[in-house]
Amino acid sequence: MVSPAPRSPADSPVRELLAELYRVATEAVDPAPALASRLARLPREPARRWILALGKAAEPMALTAVRTLASWGLEPAGGLVVAPAAHSAPHPEIRVVAGDHPEPGPGSLAAAEALGEVARRVGEQDEVWVLLSGGASSLLAAPVSGLAPAELTALYRLLLGSGLDITAMNRIRKRFSRWGGGRLAAALAPARVRVFVVSDVIGDDLASIGSGPCVPDPATAAQVHRALDDAGLWSRIPAAARQLVLAAESGETAETPKPGDQAFARVTLELIASNRLALEAAARRAAELGLATEVAETPLAGEAWATGASVAAILLQHCGPQEIPQPVAAARCFIWGGETTVTLGEDPPGLGGRCQELALAAAKTLDGARPGVALMAAGTDGRDGPTDAAGAIVDGATWRTAAGAGRDPARDLAAHDAYRALDAAGALLKVGLTGTNVMDVVIGVV
């Protein structure tokens, strides 16, 4: 006998509404039209132009750059696309390499080496378009001299489970990454370098996005040492990594490129897409549909489970009694953006990502809430953690549906195994890779 499929958590109209708002949010930060608009305003000075597209939005950004040059009657001198998955090259002179994410691996090493090969071919009079998006920190990660690839992977794994936010993580990661902390700009100098950025960090700190390959590194080795100490990680990172920090701290080896370095004399940086643009687009669509909409001014941050409980509690504050149905015209919509963290313990984690953990924690708080109250948490890149889901949509029945399907959602939440509980409840949101990456969106409706 075939078991019935688990029902979707949120009654169908509410689930469809939340999925539509997610779609509108991600389409609003589609890097292709945003980049095309900006490239169209560039001066068409005589120069060989190279395209380096690095990150989760690399494929559409590279294709847009190639098409822009073609509209000028030009072709790229060469270039590289480093993306999460292999795909056809946008031009015969541009190589495509699939890196590894969220932890660096063989693909990342190959991508880093390919980037070095292109950088060596760039001439003084050339112009380089660096098309940067989130995920580049891992996708093209290779260790600096003195650190082994396995040690870099171990370091990244430790940081990912530390509970540090992405800005704090990248402040540390760039210290040990071959192209982080302005080192790509140094390799391309003195060519003109134009960097176009899709932000995946709170506050849109350009030095953090992709570990700042073309941005001066403001953090000294002493500050990195202190940050690792404060996070309780100094004694846990590989010994070779500690030695690299101490050598730079003592002046025995050079610091990362700093503000004022000549490597940045001909570098310009522009932000073309951000989390805020995604949230505003979702809010406009919600208002068009008649929902009274609020967009949070403060970005989400901190532990995913605690954030999930907190945002779900806000929805419950606006619920009427169970027996009083709420007409659609009276519906309210709450929109948050940002990026939470998950602190892993000593035990191996289960399967999931920060959005799924947030959603499962929200489901616990919402358990028993009346129909029509639901919450969606999803990554704008379409992939939350090492899974095939962008996130999940949960409501007042999700927690008990997961339990009824044989899961122990409380155990799953504690073990960072949200995927399996949400899958059992039919709550996962699967959309495929979106081609953009501006952190996460969390949308609740009442």
Protein backbone atom coordinates (compact mmCIF):
# COMPACT_ATOMS: atom_id res chain seq x y z
CA MET A 1 0.00 0.00 0.00
CA VAL A 2 1.36 3.42 -0.97
CA SER A 3 1.44 5.92 1.88
CA PRO A 4 -0.18 9.28 1.16
CA ALA A 5 2.22 12.16 0.49
CA PRO A 6 2.63 14.53 3.41
CA ARG A 7 0.47 17.58 3.06
CA SER A 8 1.98 20.98 2.44
CA PRO A 9 2.22 22.90 5.70
CA ALA A 10 0.20 26.14 5.17
CA ASP A 11 -3.05 25.81 3.39
CA SER A 12 -2.50 26.04 -0.33
CA PRO A 13 -3.43 29.71 -0.95
CA VAL A 14 -1.11 30.91 1.82
CA ARG A 15 1.72 28.67 0.62
CA GLU A 16 1.26 29.94 -2.94
CA LEU A 17 1.25 33.53 -1.69
CA LEU A 18 4.53 33.08 0.18
CA ALA A 19 6.13 31.28 -2.78
CA GLU A 20 5.09 34.15 -5.04
CA LEU A 21 6.56 36.76 -2.72
CA TYR A 22 9.81 34.78 -2.67
CA ARG A 23 9.84 34.67 -6.47
CA VAL A 24 9.24 38.43 -6.71
CA ALA A 25 12.01 39.10 -4.18
CA THR A 26 14.61 37.03 -6.03
CA GLU A 27 13.63 38.34 -9.45
CA ALA A 28 14.09 41.90 -8.20
CA VAL A 29 17.76 41.18 -7.52
CA ASP A 30 18.38 39.32 -10.74
CA PRO A 31 21.97 40.39 -11.41
CA ALA A 32 21.65 40.24 -15.20
CA PRO A 33 19.46 43.33 -15.78
CA ALA A 34 21.12 45.20 -12.92
CA LEU A 35 24.56 44.60 -14.41
CA ALA A 36 23.42 45.31 -17.98
CA SER A 37 22.11 48.70 -16.91
CA ARG A 38 25.41 49.60 -15.28
CA LEU A 39 27.68 48.30 -18.04
CA ALA A 40 25.71 50.27 -20.63
CA ARG A 41 26.93 53.48 -18.99
CA LEU A 42 30.63 52.63 -19.07
CA PRO A 43 32.99 54.60 -21.31
CA ARG A 44 33.91 52.58 -24.39
CA GLU A 45 37.60 53.36 -24.31
CA PRO A 46 39.99 51.28 -26.45
CA ALA A 47 41.24 48.40 -24.29
CA ARG A 48 41.32 44.65 -24.10
CA ARG A 49 38.63 43.57 -21.65
CA TRP A 50 38.69 40.51 -19.43
CA ILE A 51 35.72 39.02 -17.59
CA LEU A 52 36.09 37.40 -14.17
CA ALA A 53 32.71 36.23 -12.85
CA LEU A 54 33.05 34.80 -9.36
CA GLY A 55 30.27 33.51 -7.09
CA LYS A 56 26.76 32.13 -7.08
CA ALA A 57 25.53 34.69 -9.61
CA ALA A 58 28.55 34.22 -11.89
CA GLU A 59 26.77 32.55 -14.81
CA PRO A 60 24.14 35.23 -15.59
CA MET A 61 26.58 38.03 -14.86
CA ALA A 62 29.21 36.63 -17.25
CA LEU A 63 26.65 36.14 -20.00
CA THR A 64 25.44 39.72 -19.55
CA ALA A 65 29.00 41.05 -19.79
CA VAL A 66 29.68 39.08 -22.98
CA ARG A 67 26.45 40.34 -24.55
CA THR A 68 27.30 43.91 -23.59
CA LEU A 69 30.67 43.68 -25.32
CA ALA A 70 29.03 42.11 -28.36
CA SER A 71 26.63 45.06 -28.57
CA TRP A 72 29.74 47.27 -28.74
CA GLY A 73 31.17 45.16 -31.52
CA LEU A 74 33.80 43.72 -29.19
CA GLU A 75 34.77 40.35 -27.75
CA PRO A 76 36.44 39.57 -24.42
CA ALA A 77 40.19 38.99 -24.43
CA GLY A 78 39.53 36.09 -22.08
CA GLY A 79 38.25 35.34 -18.65
CA LEU A 80 36.91 32.90 -16.11
CA VAL A 81 33.58 31.93 -14.59
CA VAL A 82 33.67 30.31 -11.14
CA ALA A 83 30.19 29.10 -10.21
CA PRO A 84 28.56 26.46 -7.97
CA ALA A 85 27.83 24.17 -10.94
CA ALA A 86 29.35 23.51 -14.35
CA HIS A 87 27.61 25.04 -17.38
CA SER A 88 28.43 26.02 -20.92
CA ALA A 89 30.92 28.83 -21.41
CA PRO A 90 29.44 32.22 -22.37
CA HIS A 91 32.29 32.73 -24.87
CA PRO A 92 35.02 30.55 -26.37
CA GLU A 93 37.72 32.64 -24.65
CA ILE A 94 36.16 32.24 -21.21
CA ARG A 95 36.74 29.15 -19.10
CA VAL A 96 34.15 27.79 -16.65
CA VAL A 97 35.14 26.04 -13.41
CA ALA A 98 32.72 24.70 -10.79
CA GLY A 99 33.96 25.41 -7.29
CA ASP A 100 32.90 23.81 -4.01
CA HIS A 101 30.52 25.31 -1.45
CA PRO A 102 30.09 25.83 1.48
CA GLU A 103 33.44 24.17 2.16
CA PRO A 104 36.34 24.40 -0.32
CA GLY A 105 37.36 21.24 -2.15
CA PRO A 106 39.12 20.10 -5.34
CA GLY A 107 36.90 22.29 -7.50
CA SER A 108 37.80 25.35 -5.44
CA LEU A 109 41.51 24.62 -5.81
CA ALA A 110 41.09 24.25 -9.57
CA ALA A 111 39.18 27.54 -9.71
CA ALA A 112 41.84 29.37 -7.73
CA GLU A 113 44.58 28.07 -10.02
CA ALA A 114 42.59 29.01 -13.12
CA LEU A 115 42.15 32.52 -11.74
CA GLY A 116 45.90 32.82 -11.33
CA GLU A 117 46.45 31.75 -14.93
CA VAL A 118 44.10 34.45 -16.21
CA ALA A 119 45.58 37.12 -13.93
CA ARG A 120 49.05 36.45 -15.32
CA ARG A 121 47.80 37.18 -18.86
CA VAL A 122 46.26 40.57 -18.04
CA GLY A 123 48.30 43.50 -19.34
CA GLU A 124 48.95 46.95 -17.91
CA GLN A 125 46.66 48.67 -20.43
CA ASP A 126 43.85 46.13 -20.12
CA GLU A 127 40.53 46.48 -18.32
CA VAL A 128 39.12 43.74 -16.10
CA TRP A 129 35.46 43.38 -15.18
CA VAL A 130 35.22 41.50 -11.88
CA LEU A 131 31.63 40.34 -11.41
CA LEU A 132 31.45 39.31 -7.76
CA SER A 133 28.66 37.63 -5.81
CA GLY A 134 28.27 35.65 -2.60
CA GLY A 135 29.79 32.22 -2.28
CA ALA A 136 33.08 33.24 -3.88
CA SER A 137 34.89 32.84 -0.55
CA SER A 138 34.55 29.07 -0.80
CA LEU A 139 34.10 28.57 -4.54
CA LEU A 140 37.60 29.81 -5.37
CA ALA A 141 39.29 29.14 -2.05
CA ALA A 142 42.88 27.95 -2.05
CA PRO A 143 45.33 28.27 0.82
CA VAL A 144 48.05 30.87 1.05
CA SER A 145 51.61 29.60 1.11
CA GLY A 146 52.31 27.73 4.32
CA LEU A 147 48.84 26.20 4.66
CA ALA A 148 47.73 22.88 3.16
CA PRO A 149 44.42 22.51 1.30
CA ALA A 150 43.09 20.11 3.94
CA GLU A 151 43.97 22.62 6.66
CA LEU A 152 42.10 25.39 4.83
CA THR A 153 39.03 23.14 4.51
CA ALA A 154 39.23 22.30 8.22
CA LEU A 155 39.44 26.01 9.04
CA TYR A 156 36.41 26.83 6.90
CA ARG A 157 34.45 23.96 8.47
CA LEU A 158 35.29 25.19 11.95
CA LEU A 159 34.22 28.75 11.12
CA LEU A 160 30.97 27.62 9.49
CA GLY A 161 29.94 25.86 12.68
CA SER A 162 31.18 28.56 15.04
CA GLY A 163 28.09 30.78 15.11
CA LEU A 164 30.03 33.73 13.71
CA ASP A 165 28.18 35.85 11.16
CA ILE A 166 29.45 36.03 7.59
CA THR A 167 31.24 39.36 8.10
CA ALA A 168 33.17 38.01 11.07
CA MET A 169 33.89 34.75 9.25
CA ASN A 170 35.19 36.47 6.14
CA ARG A 171 37.38 38.79 8.20
CA ILE A 172 39.18 35.63 9.28
CA ARG A 173 38.89 33.54 6.12
CA LYS A 174 40.46 36.12 3.84
CA ARG A 175 43.65 36.00 5.93
CA PHE A 176 44.25 32.41 4.78
CA SER A 177 42.80 32.49 1.26
CA ARG A 178 44.98 32.97 -1.80
CA TRP A 179 42.69 35.57 -3.41
CA GLY A 180 41.01 37.12 -0.35
CA GLY A 181 41.77 40.43 1.30
CA GLY A 182 42.68 42.39 -1.83
CA ARG A 183 45.13 39.85 -3.21
CA LEU A 184 43.32 39.58 -6.55
CA ALA A 185 43.60 43.34 -7.06
CA ALA A 186 47.33 43.07 -6.35
CA ALA A 187 47.68 40.32 -8.94
CA LEU A 188 45.78 42.33 -11.59
CA ALA A 189 47.56 45.65 -10.98
CA PRO A 190 48.27 47.97 -12.69
CA ALA A 191 45.36 47.12 -15.06
CA ARG A 192 42.09 49.00 -14.64
CA VAL A 193 39.72 46.86 -12.56
CA ARG A 194 35.98 47.50 -12.38
CA VAL A 195 34.20 45.44 -9.73
CA PHE A 196 30.42 44.97 -9.81
CA VAL A 197 29.03 43.39 -6.66
CA VAL A 198 25.92 41.49 -5.62
CA SER A 199 25.90 41.72 -1.82
CA ASP A 200 25.31 38.75 0.47
CA VAL A 201 26.36 40.37 3.75
CA ILE A 202 24.56 42.52 6.29
CA GLY A 203 25.42 46.17 5.76
CA ASP A 204 26.80 45.46 2.26
CA ASP A 205 30.40 45.64 3.48
CA LEU A 206 32.43 45.38 0.28
CA ALA A 207 35.48 44.11 2.19
CA SER A 208 33.46 41.08 3.32
CA ILE A 209 31.62 40.05 0.13
CA GLY A 210 33.46 37.09 -1.38
CA SER A 211 36.23 37.80 1.17
CA GLY A 212 37.04 41.09 -0.59
CA PRO A 213 39.34 39.93 -3.41
CA CYS A 214 39.66 43.46 -4.77
CA VAL A 215 39.17 45.45 -1.57
CA PRO A 216 41.83 46.51 0.97
CA ASP A 217 41.80 44.33 4.07
CA PRO A 218 41.18 46.62 7.08
CA ALA A 219 41.91 43.87 9.64
CA THR A 220 45.44 43.39 10.91
CA ALA A 221 46.87 40.04 11.93
CA ALA A 222 46.60 41.13 15.56
CA GLN A 223 42.90 41.84 15.11
CA VAL A 224 42.36 38.44 13.48
CA HIS A 225 44.21 36.81 16.37
CA ARG A 226 41.99 38.63 18.85
CA ALA A 227 38.81 37.72 16.95
CA LEU A 228 39.75 34.04 17.01
CA ASP A 229 40.55 34.29 20.71
CA ASP A 230 37.23 36.00 21.48
CA ALA A 231 35.35 33.29 19.59
CA GLY A 232 37.19 30.54 21.46
CA LEU A 233 38.70 29.29 18.19
CA TRP A 234 42.40 30.19 18.40
CA SER A 235 43.49 26.87 19.89
CA ARG A 236 41.20 24.94 17.53
CA ILE A 237 42.42 26.24 14.16
CA PRO A 238 45.23 24.32 12.44
CA ALA A 239 48.68 24.98 13.91
CA ALA A 240 49.94 26.17 10.52
CA ALA A 241 47.18 28.81 10.46
CA ARG A 242 48.20 30.06 13.90
CA GLN A 243 51.81 30.31 12.75
CA LEU A 244 50.79 32.40 9.72
CA VAL A 245 48.94 34.87 11.94
CA LEU A 246 51.81 35.11 14.41
CA ALA A 247 54.35 35.65 11.62
CA ALA A 248 52.34 38.54 10.17
CA GLU A 249 51.66 39.92 13.64
CA SER A 250 55.39 40.05 14.42
CA GLY A 251 56.28 41.56 11.04
CA GLU A 252 58.15 38.48 9.94
CA THR A 253 55.86 38.21 6.88
CA ALA A 254 53.90 40.82 4.97
CA GLU A 255 50.42 41.94 5.96
CA THR A 256 47.46 41.67 3.59
CA PRO A 257 47.09 44.69 1.22
CA LYS A 258 45.85 47.68 3.18
CA PRO A 259 44.05 50.95 2.30
CA GLY A 260 46.37 53.22 0.36
CA ASP A 261 48.21 50.35 -1.32
CA GLN A 262 48.96 51.06 -4.99
CA ALA A 263 47.25 47.79 -5.90
CA PHE A 264 43.93 49.65 -5.56
CA ALA A 265 44.88 52.81 -7.45
CA ARG A 266 42.87 51.81 -10.54
CA VAL A 267 40.13 49.75 -8.86
CA THR A 268 36.51 50.91 -8.69
CA LEU A 269 33.69 49.08 -6.89
CA GLU A 270 29.93 49.34 -7.33
CA LEU A 271 27.07 47.57 -5.57
CA ILE A 272 24.34 46.49 -8.02
CA ALA A 273 22.03 44.28 -5.92
CA SER A 274 21.33 43.83 -2.21
CA ASN A 275 19.01 42.20 0.29
CA ARG A 276 17.14 45.45 0.85
CA LEU A 277 16.10 45.63 -2.81
CA ALA A 278 14.66 42.11 -2.55
CA LEU A 279 12.68 42.95 0.57
CA GLU A 280 11.26 46.12 -0.94
CA ALA A 281 10.13 44.25 -4.05
CA ALA A 282 8.33 41.62 -1.96
CA ALA A 283 6.69 44.37 0.08
CA ARG A 284 5.40 46.14 -3.03
CA ARG A 285 3.87 42.91 -4.32
CA ALA A 286 2.28 42.14 -0.95
CA ALA A 287 0.75 45.62 -0.86
CA GLU A 288 -0.59 45.17 -4.40
CA LEU A 289 -2.33 42.02 -3.17
CA GLY A 290 -4.01 43.95 -0.39
CA LEU A 291 -1.85 42.96 2.56
CA ALA A 292 -0.92 45.46 5.23
CA THR A 293 2.86 45.09 5.03
CA GLU A 294 5.74 45.85 7.36
CA VAL A 295 9.43 45.54 6.45
CA ALA A 296 11.79 45.22 9.40
CA GLU A 297 14.49 47.85 9.50
CA THR A 298 16.91 45.72 11.54
CA PRO A 299 18.46 42.76 9.66
CA LEU A 300 18.04 39.30 11.09
CA ALA A 301 21.17 37.92 12.74
CA GLY A 302 22.14 35.57 15.53
CA GLU A 303 21.17 31.96 16.11
CA ALA A 304 18.70 30.59 13.57
CA TRP A 305 16.60 28.69 16.10
CA ALA A 306 16.21 31.70 18.38
CA THR A 307 15.36 33.96 15.44
CA GLY A 308 12.73 31.49 14.22
CA ALA A 309 11.03 31.44 17.61
CA SER A 310 11.16 35.24 17.79
CA VAL A 311 9.63 35.98 14.38
CA ALA A 312 6.94 33.33 14.89
CA ALA A 313 6.01 34.98 18.18
CA ILE A 314 5.49 38.25 16.33
CA LEU A 315 3.00 36.52 14.03
CA LEU A 316 1.13 35.05 17.00
CA GLN A 317 0.82 38.51 18.53
CA HIS A 318 -1.28 39.51 15.54
CA CYS A 319 -3.50 36.42 15.43
CA GLY A 320 -7.19 36.71 16.22
CA PRO A 321 -8.99 33.93 18.07
CA GLN A 322 -9.06 30.54 16.32
CA GLU A 323 -12.81 30.63 15.81
CA ILE A 324 -12.80 33.99 14.00
CA PRO A 325 -11.76 33.59 10.34
CA GLN A 326 -9.74 36.48 8.96
CA PRO A 327 -10.67 37.75 5.48
CA VAL A 328 -7.85 38.04 2.95
CA ALA A 329 -8.33 41.81 2.75
CA ALA A 330 -7.43 42.06 6.44
CA ALA A 331 -4.28 40.01 6.07
CA ARG A 332 -0.95 41.29 7.34
CA CYS A 333 2.50 40.57 6.00
CA PHE A 334 5.80 40.86 7.86
CA ILE A 335 9.08 40.85 5.96
CA TRP A 336 12.59 40.40 7.31
CA GLY A 337 15.98 40.02 5.66
CA GLY A 338 19.46 39.15 6.78
CA GLU A 339 21.45 36.06 7.61
CA THR A 340 21.32 34.00 10.78
CA THR A 341 23.92 31.55 12.05
CA VAL A 342 23.96 27.98 13.31
CA THR A 343 26.38 27.01 16.06
CA LEU A 344 27.26 23.33 15.82
CA GLY A 345 28.23 21.20 18.79
CA GLU A 346 30.74 18.38 19.00
CA ASP A 347 28.37 15.82 17.46
CA PRO A 348 28.20 15.59 13.65
CA PRO A 349 25.30 17.73 12.40
CA GLY A 350 22.31 16.40 10.52
CA LEU A 351 21.05 17.75 7.20
CA GLY A 352 19.77 21.27 6.79
CA GLY A 353 20.69 24.93 6.62
CA ARG A 354 20.12 28.10 8.59
CA CYS A 355 16.75 28.86 6.92
CA GLN A 356 15.46 25.35 7.56
CA GLU A 357 16.55 25.52 11.19
CA LEU A 358 14.86 28.90 11.54
CA ALA A 359 11.68 27.54 9.93
CA LEU A 360 11.55 24.42 12.11
CA ALA A 361 12.02 26.52 15.26
CA ALA A 362 9.23 28.80 14.04
CA ALA A 363 7.01 25.75 13.47
CA LYS A 364 7.48 24.78 17.12
CA THR A 365 6.33 28.23 18.25
CA LEU A 366 3.44 28.27 15.76
CA ASP A 367 2.24 24.78 16.72
CA GLY A 368 -1.54 24.90 17.06
CA ALA A 369 -1.92 28.36 15.49
CA ARG A 370 -5.07 28.83 13.45
CA PRO A 371 -5.05 28.31 9.66
CA GLY A 372 -3.88 31.31 7.68
CA VAL A 373 -0.82 31.98 9.81
CA ALA A 374 2.38 30.90 8.10
CA LEU A 375 6.06 31.71 7.76
CA MET A 376 8.58 31.24 4.97
CA ALA A 377 12.35 31.34 5.43
CA ALA A 378 14.53 30.89 2.36
CA GLY A 379 17.92 31.71 0.92
CA THR A 380 17.75 33.92 -2.16
CA ASP A 381 20.25 31.70 -3.95
CA GLY A 382 17.77 28.80 -3.93
CA ARG A 383 19.96 26.52 -1.85
CA ASP A 384 19.99 26.48 1.93
CA GLY A 385 23.05 24.70 3.27
CA PRO A 386 24.16 21.52 1.50
CA THR A 387 20.58 20.65 0.46
CA ASP A 388 18.27 20.88 -2.56
CA ALA A 389 15.85 23.22 -0.76
CA ALA A 390 15.88 27.01 -0.56
CA GLY A 391 14.19 26.84 2.81
CA ALA A 392 10.70 26.02 4.03
CA ILE A 393 7.15 27.25 4.59
CA VAL A 394 5.65 26.34 7.97
CA ASP A 395 2.40 26.90 9.85
CA GLY A 396 0.49 25.78 12.91
CA ALA A 397 0.27 22.17 11.72
CA THR A 398 3.85 21.60 10.55
CA TRP A 399 5.30 20.45 13.88
CA ARG A 400 2.65 17.81 14.54
CA THR A 401 2.61 16.73 10.88
CA ALA A 402 6.33 15.97 11.08
CA ALA A 403 5.74 14.02 14.29
CA GLY A 404 2.86 12.14 12.71
CA ALA A 405 5.15 11.15 9.84
CA GLY A 406 7.52 9.45 12.27
CA ARG A 407 9.98 12.26 12.98
CA ASP A 408 10.88 13.70 16.36
CA PRO A 409 11.00 17.40 15.41
CA ALA A 410 12.42 18.44 18.78
CA ARG A 411 15.31 16.01 18.37
CA ASP A 412 15.78 17.09 14.75
CA LEU A 413 15.94 20.75 15.78
CA ALA A 414 18.49 20.03 18.49
CA ALA A 415 20.58 17.91 16.10
CA HIS A 416 20.53 20.52 13.31
CA ASP A 417 18.62 17.98 11.20
CA ALA A 418 15.78 20.25 10.12
CA TYR A 419 15.65 19.02 6.52
CA ARG A 420 14.27 15.60 7.41
CA ALA A 421 11.57 16.92 9.73
CA LEU A 422 10.46 19.55 7.23
CA ASP A 423 10.57 17.06 4.39
CA ALA A 424 8.34 14.69 6.35
CA ALA A 425 5.86 17.54 6.85
CA GLY A 426 5.89 18.55 3.17
CA ALA A 427 7.21 21.96 4.20
CA LEU A 428 10.37 22.31 2.09
CA LEU A 429 10.54 25.01 -0.58
CA LYS A 430 12.44 23.73 -3.62
CA VAL A 431 13.01 26.17 -6.47
CA GLY A 432 16.47 25.32 -7.85
CA LEU A 433 19.39 27.73 -8.07
CA THR A 434 18.14 31.27 -8.71
CA GLY A 435 21.33 32.79 -10.10
CA THR A 436 21.48 35.45 -7.42
CA ASN A 437 22.52 35.62 -3.76
CA VAL A 438 21.57 38.44 -1.40
CA MET A 439 21.28 36.56 1.90
CA ASP A 440 17.91 35.32 3.14
CA VAL A 441 14.30 36.48 3.16
CA VAL A 442 11.81 35.62 5.88
CA ILE A 443 8.16 36.42 5.25
CA GLY A 444 5.25 35.84 7.59
CA VAL A 445 1.53 36.27 6.89
CA VAL A 446 -1.45 36.43 9.19
